[in-house]
Amino acid sequence: MKRKDKVVGAILISCMGLFIYSPVWAGTISGHADCKGAKSNQWVVVYVDTIAGKEFSPPLEPAAVDQKGKEFIPHVLPILKGTTVDFLNDDPFAHNVFSPDDTADQVNLGSWKQGERKSHTFSKLGNAVMLCNLHPEMEGWIVVLPTPYFAVTDEKGDYTIKDVPDGKYTLKTWHQKLGPSQSEATVTSTASAKVDFTLTKQ
């Protein structure tokens, strides 16, 4: 084979590889959540519910929750089922992390000092309140989800879920005090889906 033919062949193979392994066309879901009866529109988890026939591997890198200023940061952390969460301590005094909820296996990680961390893997769907038995005023939430397509609303109540493959999905919400809501969304790579929610007390 001549050198020119080899080069052309290599280019064709490379192009075929790019075609075969290119990511699925993906779009964006965005919108607004109006929280009736809550202090703000922040901390609503919006997520794509279970997709039939699809299972997702958890990320290799752990997620993280910090304890700083006697607060869990972030206050609400959505994760994919199977994700490991590192609990850090950035305060100059000891903290503890425990949860009474089955979603967190009723875990009690004990206490640890500033600069240290302890971890837990969340293998059950649902939500779990995370508490500190040394500081009863502290409260945070882990929300364990069936897909990696989720977002948390900002202070205005706005959210954006990126890189959602083309398709029709059921979109659901979670809030620590308000009842859940759901809607249907159709995603395409050429047009973003816009879905707004109104959440009320249960």
C-alpha atoms as a PDB file:
ATOM      1  CA  MET A   1       0.000   0.000   0.000  1.00  0.00           C
ATOM      2  CA  LYS A   2       1.306   3.428  -0.957  1.00  0.00           C
ATOM      3  CA  ARG A   3       1.964   5.997   1.764  1.00  0.00           C
ATOM      4  CA  LYS A   4      -0.877   8.205   0.470  1.00  0.00           C
ATOM      5  CA  ASP A   5      -3.328   5.297   0.677  1.00  0.00           C
ATOM      6  CA  LYS A   6      -2.202   4.535   4.231  1.00  0.00           C
ATOM      7  CA  VAL A   7      -2.798   8.129   5.295  1.00  0.00           C
ATOM      8  CA  VAL A   8      -6.259   8.180   3.714  1.00  0.00           C
ATOM      9  CA  GLY A   9      -7.083   4.864   5.371  1.00  0.00           C
ATOM     10  CA  ALA A  10      -5.974   6.147   8.767  1.00  0.00           C
ATOM     11  CA  ILE A  11      -8.129   9.250   8.377  1.00  0.00           C
ATOM     12  CA  LEU A  12     -11.164   7.156   7.456  1.00  0.00           C
ATOM     13  CA  ILE A  13     -10.657   4.858  10.439  1.00  0.00           C
ATOM     14  CA  SER A  14     -10.281   7.861  12.740  1.00  0.00           C
ATOM     15  CA  CYS A  15     -13.458   9.429  11.395  1.00  0.00           C
ATOM     16  CA  MET A  16     -15.331   6.162  11.868  1.00  0.00           C
ATOM     17  CA  GLY A  17     -14.078   5.993  15.429  1.00  0.00           C
ATOM     18  CA  LEU A  18     -15.254   9.522  16.106  1.00  0.00           C
ATOM     19  CA  PHE A  19     -18.660   8.633  14.710  1.00  0.00           C
ATOM     20  CA  ILE A  20     -18.992   5.427  16.705  1.00  0.00           C
ATOM     21  CA  TYR A  21     -17.846   6.883  20.022  1.00  0.00           C
ATOM     22  CA  SER A  22     -19.320  10.365  19.760  1.00  0.00           C
ATOM     23  CA  PRO A  23     -21.691  11.207  22.646  1.00  0.00           C
ATOM     24  CA  VAL A  24     -25.432  10.936  22.256  1.00  0.00           C
ATOM     25  CA  TRP A  25     -27.049  14.193  21.204  1.00  0.00           C
ATOM     26  CA  ALA A  26     -27.993  16.034  24.365  1.00  0.00           C
ATOM     27  CA  GLY A  27     -30.009  19.053  25.376  1.00  0.00           C
ATOM     28  CA  THR A  28     -30.923  21.137  28.387  1.00  0.00           C
ATOM     29  CA  ILE A  29     -33.885  21.304  30.743  1.00  0.00           C
ATOM     30  CA  SER A  30     -34.343  24.556  32.620  1.00  0.00           C
ATOM     31  CA  GLY A  31     -37.064  26.380  34.464  1.00  0.00           C
ATOM     32  CA  HIS A  32     -38.258  27.896  37.708  1.00  0.00           C
ATOM     33  CA  ALA A  33     -39.671  26.530  40.960  1.00  0.00           C
ATOM     34  CA  ASP A  34     -42.131  28.625  42.959  1.00  0.00           C
ATOM     35  CA  CYS A  35     -42.225  27.462  46.577  1.00  0.00           C
ATOM     36  CA  LYS A  36     -45.514  28.436  48.202  1.00  0.00           C
ATOM     37  CA  GLY A  37     -45.227  28.696  51.968  1.00  0.00           C
ATOM     38  CA  ALA A  38     -41.430  28.429  52.074  1.00  0.00           C
ATOM     39  CA  LYS A  39     -38.974  31.169  52.988  1.00  0.00           C
ATOM     40  CA  SER A  40     -37.315  31.051  49.569  1.00  0.00           C
ATOM     41  CA  ASN A  41     -37.340  29.230  46.241  1.00  0.00           C
ATOM     42  CA  GLN A  42     -33.871  27.805  46.844  1.00  0.00           C
ATOM     43  CA  TRP A  43     -32.885  24.195  47.531  1.00  0.00           C
ATOM     44  CA  VAL A  44     -35.463  22.469  45.345  1.00  0.00           C
ATOM     45  CA  VAL A  45     -34.011  19.353  43.716  1.00  0.00           C
ATOM     46  CA  VAL A  46     -35.274  18.886  40.151  1.00  0.00           C
ATOM     47  CA  TYR A  47     -34.402  15.574  38.526  1.00  0.00           C
ATOM     48  CA  VAL A  48     -35.140  13.172  35.701  1.00  0.00           C
ATOM     49  CA  ASP A  49     -36.870  10.135  37.163  1.00  0.00           C
ATOM     50  CA  THR A  50     -36.006   6.500  36.433  1.00  0.00           C
ATOM     51  CA  ILE A  51     -35.439   5.786  32.731  1.00  0.00           C
ATOM     52  CA  ALA A  52     -36.700   2.339  31.712  1.00  0.00           C
ATOM     53  CA  GLY A  53     -33.867  -0.007  30.801  1.00  0.00           C
ATOM     54  CA  LYS A  54     -31.175   2.439  31.917  1.00  0.00           C
ATOM     55  CA  GLU A  55     -28.770   2.023  34.807  1.00  0.00           C
ATOM     56  CA  PHE A  56     -26.016   4.472  35.639  1.00  0.00           C
ATOM     57  CA  SER A  57     -22.671   3.834  37.278  1.00  0.00           C
ATOM     58  CA  PRO A  58     -21.833   6.174  40.154  1.00  0.00           C
ATOM     59  CA  PRO A  59     -18.951   8.611  39.714  1.00  0.00           C
ATOM     60  CA  LEU A  60     -15.472   7.445  40.636  1.00  0.00           C
ATOM     61  CA  GLU A  61     -14.777  10.656  42.535  1.00  0.00           C
ATOM     62  CA  PRO A  62     -16.713  11.203  45.777  1.00  0.00           C
ATOM     63  CA  ALA A  63     -19.072  14.102  46.307  1.00  0.00           C
ATOM     64  CA  ALA A  64     -18.380  16.360  49.278  1.00  0.00           C
ATOM     65  CA  VAL A  65     -20.255  18.043  52.109  1.00  0.00           C
ATOM     66  CA  ASP A  66     -18.359  20.494  54.287  1.00  0.00           C
ATOM     67  CA  GLN A  67     -19.096  21.439  57.878  1.00  0.00           C
ATOM     68  CA  LYS A  68     -18.219  25.080  58.303  1.00  0.00           C
ATOM     69  CA  GLY A  69     -19.631  27.766  60.557  1.00  0.00           C
ATOM     70  CA  LYS A  70     -21.819  25.083  62.129  1.00  0.00           C
ATOM     71  CA  GLU A  71     -23.555  24.495  58.808  1.00  0.00           C
ATOM     72  CA  PHE A  72     -23.638  21.681  56.276  1.00  0.00           C
ATOM     73  CA  ILE A  73     -22.429  23.077  52.954  1.00  0.00           C
ATOM     74  CA  PRO A  74     -24.234  22.602  50.660  1.00  0.00           C
ATOM     75  CA  HIS A  75     -27.466  22.439  52.616  1.00  0.00           C
ATOM     76  CA  VAL A  76     -28.910  20.031  50.030  1.00  0.00           C
ATOM     77  CA  LEU A  77     -26.781  17.656  47.966  1.00  0.00           C
ATOM     78  CA  PRO A  78     -28.388  15.532  45.221  1.00  0.00           C
ATOM     79  CA  ILE A  79     -26.345  12.509  44.154  1.00  0.00           C
ATOM     80  CA  LEU A  80     -26.654   9.467  41.917  1.00  0.00           C
ATOM     81  CA  LYS A  81     -27.371   6.195  43.697  1.00  0.00           C
ATOM     82  CA  GLY A  82     -24.122   4.504  44.702  1.00  0.00           C
ATOM     83  CA  THR A  83     -22.181   7.738  45.138  1.00  0.00           C
ATOM     84  CA  THR A  84     -19.744   8.067  48.022  1.00  0.00           C
ATOM     85  CA  VAL A  85     -19.903  11.327  49.965  1.00  0.00           C
ATOM     86  CA  ASP A  86     -16.944  12.745  51.884  1.00  0.00           C
ATOM     87  CA  PHE A  87     -17.932  14.703  54.992  1.00  0.00           C
ATOM     88  CA  LEU A  88     -15.311  17.332  55.783  1.00  0.00           C
ATOM     89  CA  ASN A  89     -14.726  19.477  58.857  1.00  0.00           C
ATOM     90  CA  ASP A  90     -13.490  23.029  58.296  1.00  0.00           C
ATOM     91  CA  ASP A  91     -14.381  24.283  61.775  1.00  0.00           C
ATOM     92  CA  PRO A  92     -11.787  24.624  64.569  1.00  0.00           C
ATOM     93  CA  PHE A  93     -13.740  22.178  66.710  1.00  0.00           C
ATOM     94  CA  ALA A  94     -15.069  18.642  66.421  1.00  0.00           C
ATOM     95  CA  HIS A  95     -18.141  17.649  64.417  1.00  0.00           C
ATOM     96  CA  ASN A  96     -20.238  14.527  64.078  1.00  0.00           C
ATOM     97  CA  VAL A  97     -22.415  13.226  61.245  1.00  0.00           C
ATOM     98  CA  PHE A  98     -25.317  10.859  61.722  1.00  0.00           C
ATOM     99  CA  SER A  99     -28.700  10.156  60.146  1.00  0.00           C
ATOM    100  CA  PRO A 100     -31.805   8.392  61.471  1.00  0.00           C
ATOM    101  CA  ASP A 101     -32.979   7.610  57.928  1.00  0.00           C
ATOM    102  CA  ASP A 102     -32.802   4.243  56.156  1.00  0.00           C
ATOM    103  CA  THR A 103     -31.606   5.943  52.959  1.00  0.00           C
ATOM    104  CA  ALA A 104     -28.374   6.646  54.843  1.00  0.00           C
ATOM    105  CA  ASP A 105     -28.389   3.224  56.572  1.00  0.00           C
ATOM    106  CA  GLN A 106     -28.979   5.058  59.868  1.00  0.00           C
ATOM    107  CA  VAL A 107     -25.282   5.829  59.774  1.00  0.00           C
ATOM    108  CA  ASN A 108     -23.287   7.388  62.603  1.00  0.00           C
ATOM    109  CA  LEU A 109     -19.795   8.325  61.469  1.00  0.00           C
ATOM    110  CA  GLY A 110     -18.629   9.402  64.905  1.00  0.00           C
ATOM    111  CA  SER A 111     -16.755  12.638  65.565  1.00  0.00           C
ATOM    112  CA  TRP A 112     -13.634  14.106  63.982  1.00  0.00           C
ATOM    113  CA  LYS A 113     -11.447  17.181  64.149  1.00  0.00           C
ATOM    114  CA  GLN A 114     -10.760  20.035  61.757  1.00  0.00           C
ATOM    115  CA  GLY A 115      -9.061  18.966  58.542  1.00  0.00           C
ATOM    116  CA  GLU A 116     -10.246  15.367  58.781  1.00  0.00           C
ATOM    117  CA  ARG A 117     -12.980  13.642  56.807  1.00  0.00           C
ATOM    118  CA  LYS A 118     -15.168  10.568  56.908  1.00  0.00           C
ATOM    119  CA  SER A 119     -17.144   8.948  54.113  1.00  0.00           C
ATOM    120  CA  HIS A 120     -20.341   7.048  53.444  1.00  0.00           C
ATOM    121  CA  THR A 121     -21.691   5.410  50.280  1.00  0.00           C
ATOM    122  CA  PHE A 122     -25.393   5.952  49.604  1.00  0.00           C
ATOM    123  CA  SER A 123     -26.808   2.854  47.897  1.00  0.00           C
ATOM    124  CA  LYS A 124     -30.544   3.403  48.490  1.00  0.00           C
ATOM    125  CA  LEU A 125     -32.866   5.789  46.683  1.00  0.00           C
ATOM    126  CA  GLY A 126     -34.584   8.443  48.771  1.00  0.00           C
ATOM    127  CA  ASN A 127     -33.588  11.315  51.002  1.00  0.00           C
ATOM    128  CA  ALA A 128     -31.738  11.458  54.283  1.00  0.00           C
ATOM    129  CA  VAL A 129     -31.361  14.223  56.810  1.00  0.00           C
ATOM    130  CA  MET A 130     -27.793  14.599  58.057  1.00  0.00           C
ATOM    131  CA  LEU A 131     -27.300  15.826  61.620  1.00  0.00           C
ATOM    132  CA  CYS A 132     -24.517  16.575  64.092  1.00  0.00           C
ATOM    133  CA  ASN A 133     -25.030  15.340  67.642  1.00  0.00           C
ATOM    134  CA  LEU A 134     -22.518  17.913  68.909  1.00  0.00           C
ATOM    135  CA  HIS A 135     -24.444  20.828  67.368  1.00  0.00           C
ATOM    136  CA  PRO A 136     -28.209  20.109  67.273  1.00  0.00           C
ATOM    137  CA  GLU A 137     -28.910  23.221  65.194  1.00  0.00           C
ATOM    138  CA  MET A 138     -27.090  21.732  62.195  1.00  0.00           C
ATOM    139  CA  GLU A 139     -29.111  20.058  59.439  1.00  0.00           C
ATOM    140  CA  GLY A 140     -28.333  19.043  55.868  1.00  0.00           C
ATOM    141  CA  TRP A 141     -29.899  16.749  53.284  1.00  0.00           C
ATOM    142  CA  ILE A 142     -28.646  14.093  50.883  1.00  0.00           C
ATOM    143  CA  VAL A 143     -31.063  13.231  48.057  1.00  0.00           C
ATOM    144  CA  VAL A 144     -30.215   9.943  46.321  1.00  0.00           C
ATOM    145  CA  LEU A 145     -31.506   9.771  42.751  1.00  0.00           C
ATOM    146  CA  PRO A 146     -31.884   7.156  39.974  1.00  0.00           C
ATOM    147  CA  THR A 147     -30.282   9.220  37.184  1.00  0.00           C
ATOM    148  CA  PRO A 148     -27.383  11.673  36.911  1.00  0.00           C
ATOM    149  CA  TYR A 149     -29.643  14.342  35.423  1.00  0.00           C
ATOM    150  CA  PHE A 150     -30.501  16.734  38.229  1.00  0.00           C
ATOM    151  CA  ALA A 151     -30.048  20.258  39.535  1.00  0.00           C
ATOM    152  CA  VAL A 152     -30.758  22.378  42.612  1.00  0.00           C
ATOM    153  CA  THR A 153     -32.587  25.679  42.354  1.00  0.00           C
ATOM    154  CA  ASP A 154     -30.711  28.868  43.149  1.00  0.00           C
ATOM    155  CA  GLU A 155     -31.901  31.733  45.352  1.00  0.00           C
ATOM    156  CA  LYS A 156     -34.311  32.874  42.634  1.00  0.00           C
ATOM    157  CA  GLY A 157     -35.729  29.388  42.149  1.00  0.00           C
ATOM    158  CA  ASP A 158     -34.083  28.849  38.768  1.00  0.00           C
ATOM    159  CA  TYR A 159     -32.453  25.594  37.695  1.00  0.00           C
ATOM    160  CA  THR A 160     -30.692  24.097  34.678  1.00  0.00           C
ATOM    161  CA  ILE A 161     -30.056  20.417  33.951  1.00  0.00           C
ATOM    162  CA  LYS A 162     -27.417  20.023  31.255  1.00  0.00           C
ATOM    163  CA  ASP A 163     -26.388  17.183  28.934  1.00  0.00           C
ATOM    164  CA  VAL A 164     -29.716  15.334  28.963  1.00  0.00           C
ATOM    165  CA  PRO A 165     -29.936  12.889  26.017  1.00  0.00           C
ATOM    166  CA  ASP A 166     -32.729  13.374  23.507  1.00  0.00           C
ATOM    167  CA  GLY A 167     -35.967  11.798  24.679  1.00  0.00           C
ATOM    168  CA  LYS A 168     -39.152  12.116  26.698  1.00  0.00           C
ATOM    169  CA  TYR A 169     -38.792  12.095  30.470  1.00  0.00           C
ATOM    170  CA  THR A 170     -40.674  12.442  33.724  1.00  0.00           C
ATOM    171  CA  LEU A 171     -39.278  15.331  35.704  1.00  0.00           C
ATOM    172  CA  LYS A 172     -39.792  15.379  39.485  1.00  0.00           C
ATOM    173  CA  THR A 173     -39.000  17.669  42.400  1.00  0.00           C
ATOM    174  CA  TRP A 174     -37.968  17.240  46.015  1.00  0.00           C
ATOM    175  CA  HIS A 175     -38.091  19.815  48.811  1.00  0.00           C
ATOM    176  CA  GLN A 176     -37.467  19.229  52.494  1.00  0.00           C
ATOM    177  CA  LYS A 177     -40.793  20.766  53.556  1.00  0.00           C
ATOM    178  CA  LEU A 178     -43.018  21.046  50.486  1.00  0.00           C
ATOM    179  CA  GLY A 179     -44.794  18.292  48.604  1.00  0.00           C
ATOM    180  CA  PRO A 180     -43.360  16.783  45.412  1.00  0.00           C
ATOM    181  CA  SER A 181     -44.369  17.845  41.934  1.00  0.00           C
ATOM    182  CA  GLN A 182     -43.817  16.328  38.507  1.00  0.00           C
ATOM    183  CA  SER A 183     -44.115  17.123  34.827  1.00  0.00           C
ATOM    184  CA  GLU A 184     -43.190  15.676  31.451  1.00  0.00           C
ATOM    185  CA  ALA A 185     -40.299  17.033  29.403  1.00  0.00           C
ATOM    186  CA  THR A 186     -39.139  16.400  25.852  1.00  0.00           C
ATOM    187  CA  VAL A 187     -35.474  17.059  25.192  1.00  0.00           C
ATOM    188  CA  THR A 188     -33.817  17.596  21.819  1.00  0.00           C
ATOM    189  CA  SER A 189     -30.348  18.738  20.878  1.00  0.00           C
ATOM    190  CA  THR A 190     -31.800  21.645  18.910  1.00  0.00           C
ATOM    191  CA  ALA A 191     -34.243  23.046  21.458  1.00  0.00           C
ATOM    192  CA  SER A 192     -34.085  23.381  25.226  1.00  0.00           C
ATOM    193  CA  ALA A 193     -37.007  22.168  27.312  1.00  0.00           C
ATOM    194  CA  LYS A 194     -38.488  24.639  29.786  1.00  0.00           C
ATOM    195  CA  VAL A 195     -40.424  23.267  32.753  1.00  0.00           C
ATOM    196  CA  ASP A 196     -41.703  25.342  35.678  1.00  0.00           C
ATOM    197  CA  PHE A 197     -43.017  23.988  38.967  1.00  0.00           C
ATOM    198  CA  THR A 198     -45.224  25.231  41.775  1.00  0.00           C
ATOM    199  CA  LEU A 199     -44.624  23.491  45.093  1.00  0.00           C
ATOM    200  CA  THR A 200     -47.068  23.642  47.986  1.00  0.00           C
ATOM    201  CA  LYS A 201     -47.250  22.180  51.469  1.00  0.00           C
ATOM    202  CA  GLN A 202     -48.330  18.555  51.702  1.00  0.00           C
END
